């Protein structure tokens, strides 16, 4: 992915191509912040391009935090036990 000159408008086919490229990377697990860093564009710009490209955006914060070797179910259970 190449950086785009800051402030340069991206329109038409170039915007469509960029959206498709960002969509592929996002679908493979790249975060919006990572994509922003790679392209030299803002978080808001990347978010907007992904939305325009029809991407189903992930929820904030990632998955549940767990200890190495711990399953999601036990991570959830230990949080619930500790919360009481």
N, C-alpha and C. Protein backbone atom coordinates (compact mmCIF):
# COMPACT_ATOMS: atom_id res chain seq x y z
N UNK A 1 0.85 -1.17 0.00
CA UNK A 1 0.00 0.00 0.00
C UNK A 1 0.90 1.23 0.00
N UNK A 2 0.62 2.15 -0.88
CA UNK A 2 1.44 3.35 -0.96
C UNK A 2 0.79 4.50 -0.22
N UNK A 3 1.62 5.35 0.35
CA UNK A 3 1.11 6.53 1.03
C UNK A 3 0.63 7.52 -0.01
N UNK A 4 -0.42 8.22 0.31
CA UNK A 4 -0.99 9.22 -0.58
C UNK A 4 -0.61 10.58 -0.01
N UNK A 5 -0.25 11.49 -0.87
CA UNK A 5 0.15 12.82 -0.43
C UNK A 5 -0.94 13.43 0.44
N UNK A 6 -0.54 13.93 1.62
CA UNK A 6 -1.47 14.50 2.57
C UNK A 6 -2.27 15.64 1.93
N UNK A 7 -3.58 15.61 2.12
CA UNK A 7 -4.44 16.66 1.61
C UNK A 7 -4.89 16.45 0.17
N UNK A 8 -4.31 15.49 -0.53
CA UNK A 8 -4.69 15.24 -1.92
C UNK A 8 -6.03 14.55 -1.97
N UNK A 9 -6.93 15.07 -2.78
CA UNK A 9 -8.25 14.45 -2.92
C UNK A 9 -8.13 13.17 -3.73
N UNK A 10 -8.87 12.18 -3.29
CA UNK A 10 -8.89 10.91 -4.00
C UNK A 10 -10.32 10.70 -4.47
N UNK A 11 -10.51 10.69 -5.80
CA UNK A 11 -11.86 10.60 -6.36
C UNK A 11 -11.91 9.58 -7.49
N UNK A 12 -13.12 9.27 -7.89
CA UNK A 12 -13.34 8.41 -9.05
C UNK A 12 -12.75 7.02 -8.90
N UNK A 13 -12.17 6.51 -10.00
CA UNK A 13 -11.63 5.15 -10.00
C UNK A 13 -10.52 4.94 -8.96
N UNK A 14 -9.73 5.98 -8.69
CA UNK A 14 -8.65 5.85 -7.70
C UNK A 14 -9.24 5.60 -6.31
N UNK A 15 -10.33 6.27 -5.99
CA UNK A 15 -11.00 6.09 -4.70
C UNK A 15 -11.61 4.69 -4.60
N UNK A 16 -12.19 4.23 -5.70
CA UNK A 16 -12.79 2.89 -5.74
C UNK A 16 -11.72 1.83 -5.54
N UNK A 17 -10.58 1.98 -6.22
CA UNK A 17 -9.47 1.03 -6.07
C UNK A 17 -8.93 1.04 -4.64
N UNK A 18 -8.76 2.23 -4.09
CA UNK A 18 -8.25 2.34 -2.73
C UNK A 18 -9.23 1.68 -1.75
N UNK A 19 -10.52 1.91 -1.96
CA UNK A 19 -11.53 1.31 -1.10
C UNK A 19 -11.49 -0.21 -1.15
N UNK A 20 -11.32 -0.77 -2.34
CA UNK A 20 -11.26 -2.22 -2.50
C UNK A 20 -10.01 -2.78 -1.81
N UNK A 21 -8.89 -2.09 -1.94
CA UNK A 21 -7.64 -2.52 -1.32
C UNK A 21 -7.75 -2.47 0.21
N UNK A 22 -8.29 -1.36 0.72
CA UNK A 22 -8.45 -1.22 2.16
C UNK A 22 -9.43 -2.26 2.70
N UNK A 23 -10.48 -2.54 1.95
CA UNK A 23 -11.48 -3.54 2.35
C UNK A 23 -10.82 -4.92 2.50
N UNK A 24 -9.98 -5.30 1.55
CA UNK A 24 -9.29 -6.59 1.63
C UNK A 24 -8.44 -6.68 2.88
N UNK A 25 -7.68 -5.62 3.15
CA UNK A 25 -6.79 -5.62 4.31
C UNK A 25 -7.60 -5.63 5.61
N UNK A 26 -8.68 -4.86 5.66
CA UNK A 26 -9.53 -4.80 6.85
C UNK A 26 -10.18 -6.16 7.10
N UNK A 27 -10.67 -6.78 6.03
CA UNK A 27 -11.31 -8.10 6.16
C UNK A 27 -10.32 -9.17 6.62
N UNK A 28 -9.03 -8.96 6.34
CA UNK A 28 -7.99 -9.91 6.79
C UNK A 28 -7.54 -9.62 8.22
N UNK A 29 -8.09 -8.56 8.83
CA UNK A 29 -7.79 -8.30 10.24
C UNK A 29 -7.08 -7.01 10.56
N UNK A 30 -6.66 -6.24 9.56
CA UNK A 30 -5.98 -4.97 9.84
C UNK A 30 -6.96 -3.99 10.49
N UNK A 31 -6.48 -3.22 11.44
CA UNK A 31 -7.33 -2.24 12.09
C UNK A 31 -7.39 -0.96 11.26
N UNK A 32 -8.36 -0.13 11.56
CA UNK A 32 -8.48 1.16 10.87
C UNK A 32 -7.24 2.00 11.16
N UNK A 33 -6.78 1.97 12.40
CA UNK A 33 -5.58 2.75 12.76
C UNK A 33 -4.35 2.27 11.99
N UNK A 34 -4.22 0.98 11.82
CA UNK A 34 -3.09 0.43 11.06
C UNK A 34 -3.18 0.88 9.61
N UNK A 35 -4.37 0.80 9.03
CA UNK A 35 -4.55 1.23 7.64
C UNK A 35 -4.27 2.73 7.49
N UNK A 36 -4.65 3.51 8.48
CA UNK A 36 -4.38 4.95 8.44
C UNK A 36 -2.87 5.20 8.44
N UNK A 37 -2.16 4.47 9.29
CA UNK A 37 -0.70 4.61 9.37
C UNK A 37 -0.04 4.21 8.06
N UNK A 38 -0.51 3.10 7.47
CA UNK A 38 0.08 2.62 6.21
C UNK A 38 -0.13 3.58 5.05
N UNK A 39 -1.27 4.23 5.02
CA UNK A 39 -1.59 5.11 3.90
C UNK A 39 -1.22 6.57 4.14
N UNK A 40 -0.96 6.92 5.39
CA UNK A 40 -0.66 8.31 5.69
C UNK A 40 -1.92 9.17 5.75
N UNK A 41 -3.08 8.53 5.84
CA UNK A 41 -4.36 9.25 5.91
C UNK A 41 -4.91 9.17 7.33
N UNK A 42 -5.97 9.91 7.61
CA UNK A 42 -6.54 9.95 8.95
C UNK A 42 -7.44 8.74 9.21
N UNK A 43 -7.69 8.51 10.49
CA UNK A 43 -8.62 7.46 10.90
C UNK A 43 -9.98 7.71 10.26
N UNK A 44 -10.45 8.95 10.31
CA UNK A 44 -11.77 9.30 9.76
C UNK A 44 -11.86 9.03 8.27
N UNK A 45 -10.79 9.33 7.54
CA UNK A 45 -10.78 9.09 6.10
C UNK A 45 -10.91 7.59 5.82
N UNK A 46 -10.13 6.77 6.52
CA UNK A 46 -10.17 5.32 6.32
C UNK A 46 -11.55 4.78 6.69
N UNK A 47 -12.09 5.24 7.79
CA UNK A 47 -13.43 4.81 8.23
C UNK A 47 -14.46 5.13 7.15
N UNK A 48 -14.38 6.33 6.60
CA UNK A 48 -15.32 6.77 5.56
C UNK A 48 -15.18 5.92 4.29
N UNK A 49 -13.96 5.67 3.86
CA UNK A 49 -13.73 4.86 2.65
C UNK A 49 -14.25 3.44 2.85
N UNK A 50 -13.98 2.86 4.03
CA UNK A 50 -14.47 1.51 4.30
C UNK A 50 -16.00 1.48 4.28
N UNK A 51 -16.62 2.47 4.88
CA UNK A 51 -18.09 2.54 4.89
C UNK A 51 -18.63 2.67 3.47
N UNK A 52 -18.00 3.50 2.67
CA UNK A 52 -18.41 3.68 1.27
C UNK A 52 -18.26 2.37 0.49
N UNK A 53 -17.30 1.54 0.90
CA UNK A 53 -17.03 0.29 0.21
C UNK A 53 -17.92 -0.85 0.68
N UNK A 54 -18.84 -0.55 1.59
CA UNK A 54 -19.79 -1.54 2.06
C UNK A 54 -19.25 -2.51 3.09
N UNK A 55 -18.19 -2.13 3.78
CA UNK A 55 -17.58 -2.99 4.79
C UNK A 55 -18.45 -3.01 6.05
N UNK A 56 -18.63 -4.21 6.62
CA UNK A 56 -19.29 -4.35 7.91
C UNK A 56 -18.19 -4.11 8.96
N UNK A 57 -18.21 -2.94 9.59
CA UNK A 57 -17.16 -2.58 10.54
C UNK A 57 -17.27 -3.41 11.81
N UNK A 58 -16.11 -3.77 12.36
CA UNK A 58 -16.07 -4.56 13.59
C UNK A 58 -16.41 -3.67 14.78
N UNK A 59 -16.84 -4.31 15.87
CA UNK A 59 -17.10 -3.60 17.11
C UNK A 59 -15.79 -3.09 17.69
N UNK A 60 -15.85 -2.06 18.48
CA UNK A 60 -14.65 -1.50 19.09
C UNK A 60 -14.07 -2.42 20.15
N UNK A 61 -12.76 -2.35 20.32
CA UNK A 61 -12.11 -2.99 21.43
C UNK A 61 -11.64 -4.42 21.23
N UNK A 62 -11.92 -5.02 20.12
CA UNK A 62 -11.45 -6.39 19.89
C UNK A 62 -12.17 -7.41 20.74
N UNK A 63 -11.63 -8.58 20.80
CA UNK A 63 -12.24 -9.68 21.53
C UNK A 63 -11.97 -9.62 23.03
N UNK A 64 -12.48 -10.61 23.76
CA UNK A 64 -12.26 -10.64 25.21
C UNK A 64 -10.80 -10.87 25.53
N UNK A 65 -10.33 -10.27 26.60
CA UNK A 65 -8.94 -10.44 27.01
C UNK A 65 -8.84 -11.73 27.81
N UNK A 66 -7.82 -12.54 27.54
CA UNK A 66 -7.69 -13.81 28.25
C UNK A 66 -6.22 -14.16 28.43
N UNK A 67 -6.01 -15.06 29.35
CA UNK A 67 -4.67 -15.55 29.64
C UNK A 67 -4.27 -16.54 28.55
N UNK A 68 -2.97 -16.71 28.27
CA UNK A 68 -2.54 -17.70 27.28
C UNK A 68 -3.06 -19.08 27.65
N UNK A 69 -3.62 -19.78 26.68
CA UNK A 69 -4.15 -21.12 26.90
C UNK A 69 -5.57 -21.15 27.44
N UNK A 70 -6.13 -19.99 27.74
CA UNK A 70 -7.48 -19.91 28.28
C UNK A 70 -8.48 -19.78 27.14
N UNK A 71 -9.58 -20.50 27.21
CA UNK A 71 -10.60 -20.41 26.17
C UNK A 71 -11.45 -19.17 26.40
N UNK A 72 -12.20 -18.78 25.39
CA UNK A 72 -13.07 -17.61 25.51
C UNK A 72 -14.09 -17.83 26.62
N UNK A 73 -14.63 -19.04 26.70
CA UNK A 73 -15.65 -19.32 27.72
C UNK A 73 -15.07 -19.14 29.12
N UNK A 74 -13.87 -19.66 29.40
CA UNK A 74 -13.30 -19.52 30.74
C UNK A 74 -12.88 -18.08 31.01
N UNK A 75 -12.47 -17.36 29.99
CA UNK A 75 -12.13 -15.95 30.18
C UNK A 75 -13.38 -15.18 30.59
N UNK A 76 -14.49 -15.47 29.95
CA UNK A 76 -15.75 -14.81 30.26
C UNK A 76 -16.17 -15.16 31.69
N UNK A 77 -16.07 -16.44 32.06
CA UNK A 77 -16.48 -16.90 33.38
C UNK A 77 -15.65 -16.25 34.47
N UNK A 78 -14.34 -16.15 34.27
CA UNK A 78 -13.48 -15.58 35.31
C UNK A 78 -13.77 -14.10 35.49
N UNK A 79 -14.13 -13.40 34.42
CA UNK A 79 -14.50 -11.98 34.55
C UNK A 79 -15.80 -11.85 35.33
N UNK A 80 -16.76 -12.73 35.06
CA UNK A 80 -18.04 -12.66 35.74
C UNK A 80 -17.87 -12.98 37.23
N UNK A 81 -17.01 -13.94 37.53
CA UNK A 81 -16.78 -14.30 38.94
C UNK A 81 -16.11 -13.15 39.67
N UNK A 82 -15.10 -12.55 39.03
CA UNK A 82 -14.38 -11.45 39.66
C UNK A 82 -15.20 -10.17 39.78
N UNK A 83 -16.24 -10.05 39.00
CA UNK A 83 -17.04 -8.82 39.00
C UNK A 83 -18.01 -8.78 40.16
N UNK A 84 -18.31 -9.91 40.76
CA UNK A 84 -19.36 -10.00 41.78
C UNK A 84 -18.91 -9.60 43.09
